[in-house]
Structure formats: C-alpha cells, structure tokens
Amino acid sequence: MESNILNFHDLVLFMSTLAAVYLALMVALESKGSSRLYLPVFLVCTAIETLYIMSFYSLFGATYIASQMPFFYFFLIAAFYIKGQTLFFYVSFRVIKNYHITNKSIFHITPLFVYIFTIIVSYDSNSTLYRNFYTWQGNFVNPSTYHLTLIIYGFASLYIFIKHGLKVSEKKQYVFKETTTNQLLMIVGGYLFIWFVGFSAHTAYHLTENMNIASSIGKTAIYLNFIMLIALFTFFWRARLDSNMYEHSHIEDEPQFRQDMDFNVRKISQLIENKKPYLQPNMTLDRMAHELNTTPRALSVVLNEFYGISFYQYLNQNRIEEAKKLLASQGKRTQISSIYSLAGFTSRTTFNVKFKEFVGQTPSEYRRAVINNIR
C-alpha cells in the first residue's frame, strides 16, 4: 500500500471496517442460540484486520504506532490468531448436530498463546531503538505465520462442511434465517481464498523482494474482503426483509397468508407423491424450495405452521415411511444395509436411530413383526 495518509485503498479499508463492525452488531443482536457470538467475533476480527492494514501500512500510522503505542500493534495482530478458529466454530455449530465446546477446545487457542509468548520474549530482549524499528518494519511477527493459521482453519472449516453432507441443521436459530448451504460455502470458500491471496502477497515479497508485486496481490485481497462483506451485508438484509414480510403477513394479512400456505401445502403433497424428493440423499431445504418455486423461508414457515415440524423432520418422516414399505414388501430378500440407502439415508446409523425414533422399533424388529403378522 502507498505511504499516503489517505488514498483510495485506505477508503476501501475504512468502509470494510465499518461494514464488518455493523454486521457484527446486527448479528449479535438478532441471532439466537449458544453459537450466536462466533460469527460476530469473526466479523470483529475482520474489522480489526482491516484497521491494522489501514493504520500500519501508512507511513504516518506505522511511525506513530512504533514510537508511541507499539502494544496497540500487537493487539491488532492478535485478532489474526483467533479469526480462523471463530470461523471453524461457527461452521461446526452450523452443520454438526448437538455440537458444543469442550475442555479440549482450548487447544485451538494455542496459536494465540504462542504468539503472545513470542512477542513478550522478543520485545523484552531488544533495546528501545530496535523495538521501534522492528515494530515499524513488522519484523516482530512474520505475516506468513498468521496467514498459515488462517489457511489451516479455513481448510478445517471446509472439511467439516463437506464431511457432514452440506446440510444445515434447522433445529438451531441463526441470524441468516434463509442462509442456504451455498451461502455458507461461499463464506468458508471465499475467506479461504482471500487468506490464500494474502499469504501469496507476503510469499511473493520474500521470494522476489519486489514490493510492487506484493502490493498488487495484497490490494487484491483487500478488495475481495470488501466484496465479501458487501455480499454478507446483502444476505443479512434480504433475510431481514423476508422475515419481516412473513411476520407482516402473519399479523396484518392472515387470510391471504393462510390461503398461500394451503396452496403451498398442496404443492408439497403433490411433489412428495409424484417425485419423492426425499429419496435424494442430499435433498436440502433450499433445493426443495427451488423445486416448489418458493423460498426456503416460505417452505420452512409452511412446514412449521401446518405440520408442526421442521424440514428435516418432515424429510426423515417420509423416508421412514418409505423404509417401512420396503421392509414390508421385500421381506428378507433385501438386506437392511441396502434398504436405508433406497429410502434416502446416507448413513445406516442415522437410519437406525431415526427408525427407532419414529416407529418405536429397530428395522429388524419391525420386519420380523410384519413377517409374523403375514404368517
């Protein structure tokens, strides 16, 4: 970044900081559940990151911080060592049923502890002159270390996301009430890519010692971060507008809402009967809403209002009914290990648990009971 006190890139950084802080406040105020703070903390870390870049990479800012308030610089850098973890926890709460923080989770704070220890030892072992110089040059902390930390947790978040079937649990409440799996993937994949670009900027400088190349790559990361925040801002306001629309329909236009809901119930019944979408292992709320030509929020409202259950409960209910038909019609000719996949389940363990939950018997017990009744 140029050494001007203020330029276009600083303006983008300033706007990014404001957007991240605003989003963090809105998410914290409107989200629910034990995981409600992870996304706000992630956004606050993003704001601190842009503030650090804006203040440190201007000549005036770097000189002032180095001489007057070096520990402010160290405080800003600390956000880099917890940002990746907050994204990891947020994604884990989103896609893993009954996920919770345990005592082992303190392991994820290890990079921050190592950073603090390194700063204390390195800072105290140098004179004031060298302290100011190293702080101004940024040599107390190699940027590659915190970028690697971010990338590692970015990949870990992506792994968790993919491992759990790209499904978002409906039983938890989040600020993005209409957040789809694609949007969650955009957050994880988008920031992972941004962190790669940032890492590439520092790597390019160390390999080529060409500041112009490194600066160009670094600016790309700045603009991508700004675009990502604008996208999150758009999703947030769309979710709020959709939520307000349905609340408004609920209160002031109840007959029309009920009429639309009855229409959607008929469409859902026809889709279930004709196409049996529940047999698709990766069926999600947004995919079924797309097939019904409605929004995920509308579909969720209809299922909750009319059936009193969530989308995934409705999905599993139909899958279990299909499994019961298969068990009854095929007898012992088909292994249960084959029936669960034919009914749309991706895991035999999940199938057994859900079957017991809905029927009160295991699949084997149910099949024996059906065979005995036929005899």
Protein backbone atom coordinates (compact mmCIF):
# COMPACT_ATOMS: atom_id res chain seq x y z
CA MET A 1 0.00 0.00 0.00
CA GLU A 2 1.24 3.50 -0.74
CA SER A 3 2.57 5.63 2.09
CA ASN A 4 -0.04 8.34 1.70
CA ILE A 5 -2.00 9.24 4.80
CA LEU A 6 -5.24 8.54 2.89
CA ASN A 7 -5.82 7.04 -0.53
CA PHE A 8 -8.45 5.00 -2.35
CA HIS A 9 -7.26 1.73 -0.81
CA ASP A 10 -7.47 3.22 2.67
CA LEU A 11 -11.02 4.32 1.89
CA VAL A 12 -11.93 0.74 0.93
CA LEU A 13 -10.33 -0.49 4.16
CA PHE A 14 -12.21 2.11 6.20
CA MET A 15 -15.52 1.12 4.61
CA SER A 16 -14.70 -2.56 5.18
CA THR A 17 -14.04 -1.86 8.86
CA LEU A 18 -17.36 -0.06 9.29
CA ALA A 19 -19.25 -2.79 7.40
CA ALA A 20 -17.70 -5.56 9.49
CA VAL A 21 -18.47 -3.78 12.79
CA TYR A 22 -22.04 -3.03 11.71
CA LEU A 23 -22.65 -6.65 10.64
CA ALA A 24 -21.14 -7.94 13.89
CA LEU A 25 -23.52 -5.78 15.94
CA MET A 26 -26.58 -6.77 13.91
CA VAL A 27 -25.76 -10.47 14.02
CA ALA A 28 -25.08 -10.37 17.77
CA LEU A 29 -28.35 -8.57 18.48
CA GLU A 30 -30.61 -10.71 16.30
CA SER A 31 -29.15 -14.20 16.39
CA LYS A 32 -30.10 -16.81 18.97
CA GLY A 33 -28.54 -19.91 20.45
CA SER A 34 -25.27 -20.75 22.18
CA SER A 35 -23.29 -20.22 18.98
CA ARG A 36 -24.57 -16.69 18.34
CA LEU A 37 -21.27 -15.00 19.19
CA TYR A 38 -18.93 -16.86 16.84
CA LEU A 39 -19.92 -15.08 13.64
CA PRO A 40 -19.90 -11.63 15.35
CA VAL A 41 -16.43 -12.32 16.80
CA PHE A 42 -15.27 -13.42 13.34
CA LEU A 43 -16.59 -10.17 11.88
CA VAL A 44 -14.95 -8.10 14.65
CA CYS A 45 -11.64 -9.83 13.86
CA THR A 46 -12.19 -8.92 10.21
CA ALA A 47 -12.72 -5.28 11.25
CA ILE A 48 -9.54 -5.34 13.34
CA GLU A 49 -7.64 -6.87 10.44
CA THR A 50 -8.63 -4.08 8.07
CA LEU A 51 -7.91 -1.48 10.77
CA TYR A 52 -4.45 -2.95 11.22
CA ILE A 53 -3.70 -2.82 7.48
CA MET A 54 -5.03 0.72 7.21
CA SER A 55 -3.01 2.04 10.16
CA PHE A 56 0.20 0.08 9.82
CA TYR A 57 0.83 0.34 6.09
CA SER A 58 0.62 4.09 6.01
CA LEU A 59 3.92 5.82 6.81
CA PHE A 60 2.36 8.12 9.40
CA GLY A 61 0.44 5.33 11.12
CA ALA A 62 3.36 2.91 11.29
CA THR A 63 5.76 5.53 12.62
CA TYR A 64 3.35 6.76 15.28
CA ILE A 65 2.40 3.27 16.45
CA ALA A 66 6.03 2.14 16.60
CA SER A 67 7.11 5.07 18.73
CA GLN A 68 4.05 5.83 20.85
CA MET A 69 1.87 2.72 21.20
CA PRO A 70 3.59 -0.47 19.95
CA PHE A 71 1.37 -2.75 22.00
CA PHE A 72 -1.64 -1.48 20.06
CA TYR A 73 0.00 -3.02 17.00
CA PHE A 74 0.49 -6.30 18.86
CA PHE A 75 -3.15 -6.22 19.97
CA LEU A 76 -4.35 -5.81 16.39
CA ILE A 77 -2.20 -8.71 15.19
CA ALA A 78 -3.70 -10.98 17.90
CA ALA A 79 -7.02 -10.95 16.01
CA PHE A 80 -5.35 -12.89 13.19
CA TYR A 81 -4.64 -15.75 15.59
CA ILE A 82 -8.28 -16.27 16.63
CA LYS A 83 -10.13 -15.35 13.43
CA GLY A 84 -9.73 -18.75 11.79
CA GLN A 85 -10.86 -20.54 14.95
CA THR A 86 -14.06 -18.50 15.20
CA LEU A 87 -14.95 -19.44 11.61
CA PHE A 88 -14.25 -23.09 12.43
CA PHE A 89 -16.51 -23.00 15.50
CA TYR A 90 -19.24 -21.16 13.59
CA VAL A 91 -19.28 -23.74 10.79
CA SER A 92 -19.15 -26.62 13.29
CA PHE A 93 -22.20 -25.28 15.12
CA ARG A 94 -23.98 -24.81 11.82
CA VAL A 95 -23.52 -28.29 10.35
CA ILE A 96 -22.88 -30.67 13.27
CA LYS A 97 -25.89 -31.70 15.31
CA ASN A 98 -25.50 -31.11 19.07
CA TYR A 99 -22.02 -29.65 18.63
CA HIS A 100 -20.66 -27.99 21.75
CA ILE A 101 -17.41 -26.61 23.12
CA THR A 102 -15.42 -28.98 25.35
CA ASN A 103 -12.32 -28.64 27.52
CA LYS A 104 -10.23 -29.86 24.59
CA SER A 105 -11.32 -26.82 22.61
CA ILE A 106 -8.72 -24.72 24.46
CA PHE A 107 -6.21 -26.38 22.13
CA HIS A 108 -7.46 -24.05 19.40
CA ILE A 109 -6.15 -21.07 21.37
CA THR A 110 -2.58 -22.43 21.21
CA PRO A 111 -1.52 -20.19 18.26
CA LEU A 112 -2.58 -17.11 20.24
CA PHE A 113 -0.65 -18.23 23.33
CA VAL A 114 2.45 -18.93 21.23
CA TYR A 115 2.13 -15.50 19.61
CA ILE A 116 1.84 -13.71 22.98
CA PHE A 117 4.81 -15.62 24.42
CA THR A 118 6.93 -14.86 21.33
CA ILE A 119 6.12 -11.15 21.50
CA ILE A 120 6.96 -10.89 25.19
CA VAL A 121 10.29 -12.65 24.79
CA SER A 122 11.31 -10.86 21.57
CA TYR A 123 10.22 -7.41 22.71
CA ASP A 124 11.94 -7.50 26.10
CA SER A 125 15.20 -8.80 24.65
CA ASN A 126 15.77 -5.73 22.43
CA SER A 127 16.60 -2.09 23.07
CA THR A 128 14.07 0.71 22.56
CA LEU A 129 15.69 1.67 19.23
CA TYR A 130 15.42 -1.85 17.87
CA ARG A 131 11.92 -2.27 19.30
CA ASN A 132 10.69 0.76 17.37
CA PHE A 133 12.48 -0.31 14.21
CA TYR A 134 11.22 -3.91 14.33
CA THR A 135 7.70 -2.77 15.14
CA TRP A 136 7.73 -0.28 12.26
CA GLN A 137 9.11 -2.94 9.88
CA GLY A 138 6.70 -5.58 11.17
CA ASN A 139 9.58 -7.97 11.86
CA PHE A 140 8.39 -8.99 15.31
CA VAL A 141 5.77 -11.16 13.65
CA ASN A 142 6.22 -12.91 10.32
CA PRO A 143 2.92 -12.39 8.47
CA SER A 144 3.24 -15.86 6.96
CA THR A 145 2.64 -17.43 10.40
CA TYR A 146 -0.78 -15.94 10.97
CA HIS A 147 -1.77 -16.41 7.32
CA LEU A 148 -0.88 -20.09 7.64
CA THR A 149 -3.00 -20.29 10.79
CA LEU A 150 -5.93 -18.78 8.91
CA ILE A 151 -5.48 -21.15 5.95
CA ILE A 152 -5.28 -24.22 8.21
CA TYR A 153 -8.54 -23.32 9.94
CA GLY A 154 -10.08 -22.38 6.63
CA PHE A 155 -9.40 -25.88 5.32
CA ALA A 156 -10.61 -27.38 8.60
CA SER A 157 -13.88 -25.44 8.25
CA LEU A 158 -14.26 -26.61 4.65
CA TYR A 159 -13.58 -30.20 5.71
CA ILE A 160 -16.25 -30.04 8.44
CA PHE A 161 -18.67 -28.52 5.95
CA ILE A 162 -18.13 -31.26 3.35
CA LYS A 163 -17.93 -34.15 5.82
CA HIS A 164 -21.37 -33.50 7.22
CA GLY A 165 -23.15 -33.69 3.91
CA LEU A 166 -23.50 -29.97 3.12
CA LYS A 167 -26.58 -29.92 5.37
CA VAL A 168 -27.52 -27.04 7.65
CA SER A 169 -29.45 -28.04 10.76
CA GLU A 170 -32.82 -26.34 11.04
CA LYS A 171 -33.09 -27.03 14.75
CA LYS A 172 -30.77 -24.13 15.55
CA GLN A 173 -31.62 -20.48 15.09
CA TYR A 174 -29.28 -18.09 13.31
CA VAL A 175 -29.47 -14.54 12.11
CA PHE A 176 -29.39 -15.66 8.48
CA LYS A 177 -32.74 -17.43 8.68
CA GLU A 178 -32.65 -18.16 4.95
CA THR A 179 -28.97 -18.98 4.74
CA THR A 180 -28.52 -21.79 2.24
CA THR A 181 -25.71 -24.30 2.06
CA ASN A 182 -24.36 -22.45 -0.97
CA GLN A 183 -24.14 -19.21 1.00
CA LEU A 184 -22.35 -20.93 3.88
CA LEU A 185 -19.96 -22.48 1.39
CA MET A 186 -19.39 -19.02 -0.06
CA ILE A 187 -18.36 -17.71 3.37
CA VAL A 188 -15.92 -20.58 4.00
CA GLY A 189 -14.56 -20.84 0.48
CA GLY A 190 -14.48 -17.08 -0.04
CA TYR A 191 -12.43 -16.31 3.04
CA LEU A 192 -10.16 -19.30 2.46
CA PHE A 193 -9.39 -17.88 -0.98
CA ILE A 194 -8.83 -14.38 0.46
CA TRP A 195 -6.38 -15.79 3.01
CA PHE A 196 -4.54 -17.61 0.24
CA VAL A 197 -4.21 -14.34 -1.66
CA GLY A 198 -2.89 -12.58 1.46
CA PHE A 199 -0.39 -15.36 2.06
CA SER A 200 0.67 -15.16 -1.59
CA ALA A 201 1.38 -11.43 -1.22
CA HIS A 202 3.88 -11.99 1.60
CA THR A 203 5.36 -15.04 -0.10
CA ALA A 204 5.86 -13.06 -3.31
CA TYR A 205 7.72 -10.35 -1.40
CA HIS A 206 10.06 -12.82 0.31
CA LEU A 207 10.79 -14.63 -2.96
CA THR A 208 11.18 -11.64 -5.27
CA GLU A 209 11.76 -8.70 -2.87
CA ASN A 210 9.57 -6.77 -5.30
CA MET A 211 7.22 -4.59 -3.28
CA ASN A 212 5.13 -3.65 -6.32
CA ILE A 213 4.15 -7.28 -6.99
CA ALA A 214 3.42 -7.95 -3.32
CA SER A 215 1.43 -4.74 -3.02
CA SER A 216 -0.71 -5.57 -6.06
CA ILE A 217 -1.54 -9.01 -4.67
CA GLY A 218 -2.24 -7.51 -1.24
CA LYS A 219 -4.66 -4.96 -2.72
CA THR A 220 -6.49 -7.81 -4.43
CA ALA A 221 -7.07 -9.40 -1.02
CA ILE A 222 -8.34 -6.05 0.30
CA TYR A 223 -10.88 -5.68 -2.50
CA LEU A 224 -12.00 -9.31 -2.22
CA ASN A 225 -12.59 -8.84 1.51
CA PHE A 226 -14.68 -5.75 0.79
CA ILE A 227 -16.74 -7.65 -1.81
CA MET A 228 -17.29 -10.48 0.68
CA LEU A 229 -18.55 -8.06 3.33
CA ILE A 230 -20.93 -6.46 0.84
CA ALA A 231 -22.25 -9.94 -0.04
CA LEU A 232 -22.79 -10.74 3.65
CA PHE A 233 -24.48 -7.39 4.13
CA THR A 234 -26.81 -8.19 1.21
CA PHE A 235 -27.68 -11.64 2.61
CA PHE A 236 -28.32 -10.15 6.03
CA TRP A 237 -30.76 -7.53 4.79
CA ARG A 238 -32.51 -9.96 2.46
CA ALA A 239 -33.04 -12.32 5.39
CA ARG A 240 -34.40 -9.46 7.49
CA LEU A 241 -36.75 -8.33 4.72
CA ASP A 242 -38.04 -11.86 4.17
CA SER A 243 -38.54 -12.31 7.90
CA ASN A 244 -40.42 -9.02 8.18
CA MET A 245 -42.53 -9.94 5.16
CA TYR A 246 -43.74 -13.15 6.75
CA GLU A 247 -44.26 -11.55 10.13
CA HIS A 248 -46.29 -8.83 8.40
CA SER A 249 -48.33 -11.45 6.55
CA HIS A 250 -48.87 -13.29 9.79
CA ILE A 251 -50.34 -10.28 11.57
CA GLU A 252 -51.96 -7.99 9.02
CA ASP A 253 -52.84 -10.30 6.14
CA GLU A 254 -53.73 -13.54 7.87
CA PRO A 255 -56.38 -14.76 5.35
CA GLN A 256 -54.02 -14.29 2.41
CA PHE A 257 -51.20 -15.94 4.33
CA ARG A 258 -53.41 -18.92 5.11
CA GLN A 259 -54.55 -19.13 1.51
CA ASP A 260 -50.94 -19.09 0.25
CA MET A 261 -49.99 -21.65 2.87
CA ASP A 262 -52.79 -24.03 1.81
CA PHE A 263 -51.60 -23.68 -1.78
CA ASN A 264 -48.02 -24.50 -0.76
CA VAL A 265 -49.20 -27.48 1.28
CA ARG A 266 -50.92 -28.88 -1.80
CA LYS A 267 -47.79 -28.29 -3.88
CA ILE A 268 -45.67 -30.06 -1.27
CA SER A 269 -48.04 -33.03 -1.17
CA GLN A 270 -48.05 -33.32 -4.96
CA LEU A 271 -44.25 -33.11 -5.10
CA ILE A 272 -43.87 -35.76 -2.39
CA GLU A 273 -46.34 -38.08 -4.14
CA ASN A 274 -45.11 -37.64 -7.70
CA LYS A 275 -41.34 -37.18 -7.43
CA LYS A 276 -40.49 -38.48 -3.94
CA PRO A 277 -37.67 -35.95 -3.46
CA TYR A 278 -36.93 -37.35 -0.01
CA LEU A 279 -35.28 -40.33 -1.73
CA GLN A 280 -32.49 -38.00 -2.86
CA PRO A 281 -29.75 -38.37 -0.20
CA ASN A 282 -28.59 -34.76 -0.46
CA MET A 283 -32.02 -33.12 -0.52
CA THR A 284 -31.90 -29.79 1.34
CA LEU A 285 -34.34 -27.06 2.26
CA ASP A 286 -33.20 -24.72 -0.49
CA ARG A 287 -33.27 -27.47 -3.15
CA MET A 288 -36.83 -28.48 -2.35
CA ALA A 289 -37.88 -24.82 -2.18
CA HIS A 290 -36.39 -24.37 -5.66
CA GLU A 291 -38.40 -27.33 -6.99
CA LEU A 292 -41.54 -25.82 -5.45
CA ASN A 293 -40.73 -22.40 -6.93
CA THR A 294 -40.79 -20.80 -3.47
CA THR A 295 -38.24 -19.56 -0.92
CA PRO A 296 -36.62 -21.71 1.80
CA ARG A 297 -38.11 -19.36 4.38
CA ALA A 298 -41.64 -19.82 2.96
CA LEU A 299 -41.28 -23.60 2.88
CA SER A 300 -39.99 -23.64 6.45
CA VAL A 301 -42.90 -21.48 7.64
CA VAL A 302 -45.45 -23.76 5.94
CA LEU A 303 -43.97 -26.91 7.47
CA ASN A 304 -43.84 -25.38 10.92
CA GLU A 305 -47.31 -23.84 10.74
CA PHE A 306 -49.17 -26.73 9.07
CA TYR A 307 -47.27 -29.82 10.19
CA GLY A 308 -45.63 -28.51 13.37
CA ILE A 309 -42.25 -29.97 12.41
CA SER A 310 -39.03 -28.81 10.81
CA PHE A 311 -37.97 -29.55 7.24
CA TYR A 312 -35.55 -32.33 8.20
CA GLN A 313 -38.11 -33.91 10.50
CA TYR A 314 -40.56 -33.87 7.59
CA LEU A 315 -37.90 -35.32 5.30
CA ASN A 316 -37.00 -38.12 7.73
CA GLN A 317 -40.65 -38.88 8.37
CA ASN A 318 -41.25 -39.59 4.67
CA ARG A 319 -38.02 -41.56 4.41
CA ILE A 320 -39.05 -43.78 7.32
CA GLU A 321 -42.45 -44.39 5.72
CA GLU A 322 -40.67 -45.42 2.53
CA ALA A 323 -38.39 -47.73 4.51
CA LYS A 324 -41.41 -49.34 6.21
CA LYS A 325 -42.94 -50.08 2.81
CA LEU A 326 -39.67 -51.60 1.59
CA LEU A 327 -39.27 -53.73 4.71
CA ALA A 328 -42.85 -54.96 4.43
CA SER A 329 -42.85 -55.65 0.69
CA GLN A 330 -39.42 -57.21 0.27
CA GLY A 331 -39.24 -59.23 3.45
CA LYS A 332 -35.83 -60.85 3.93
CA ARG A 333 -34.93 -60.65 0.26
CA THR A 334 -33.17 -57.30 0.70
CA GLN A 335 -30.57 -56.53 3.34
CA ILE A 336 -31.27 -53.62 5.68
CA SER A 337 -27.91 -52.19 4.61
CA SER A 338 -29.46 -51.74 1.16
CA ILE A 339 -32.86 -50.53 2.33
CA TYR A 340 -31.56 -47.49 4.20
CA SER A 341 -29.93 -46.11 1.03
CA LEU A 342 -33.04 -46.87 -1.05
CA ALA A 343 -35.05 -44.80 1.45
CA GLY A 344 -32.76 -41.78 1.04
CA PHE A 345 -30.49 -42.10 4.09
CA THR A 346 -26.73 -41.75 3.70
CA SER A 347 -25.83 -43.46 6.97
CA ARG A 348 -27.09 -46.74 8.41
CA THR A 349 -26.53 -45.43 11.93
CA THR A 350 -28.71 -42.40 11.24
CA PHE A 351 -31.32 -44.67 9.64
CA ASN A 352 -31.45 -46.96 12.68
CA VAL A 353 -31.72 -44.05 15.11
CA LYS A 354 -34.46 -42.27 13.12
CA PHE A 355 -36.39 -45.51 12.53
CA LYS A 356 -36.39 -46.27 16.25
CA GLU A 357 -37.41 -42.68 16.98
CA PHE A 358 -40.39 -42.69 14.59
CA VAL A 359 -41.55 -46.33 14.79
CA GLY A 360 -40.50 -47.39 18.28
CA GLN A 361 -38.74 -50.48 16.88
CA THR A 362 -35.49 -51.18 15.11
CA PRO A 363 -35.75 -52.02 11.38
CA SER A 364 -35.04 -55.70 12.13
CA GLU A 365 -37.71 -55.83 14.82
CA TYR A 366 -40.23 -54.14 12.54
CA ARG A 367 -39.53 -56.56 9.69
CA ARG A 368 -39.89 -59.61 11.96
CA ALA A 369 -43.19 -58.22 13.27
CA VAL A 370 -44.51 -57.69 9.76
CA ILE A 371 -43.47 -61.21 8.63
CA ASN A 372 -45.07 -62.80 11.71
CA ASN A 373 -48.33 -60.93 11.09
CA ILE A 374 -48.41 -62.12 7.48
CA ARG A 375 -47.98 -65.69 8.65
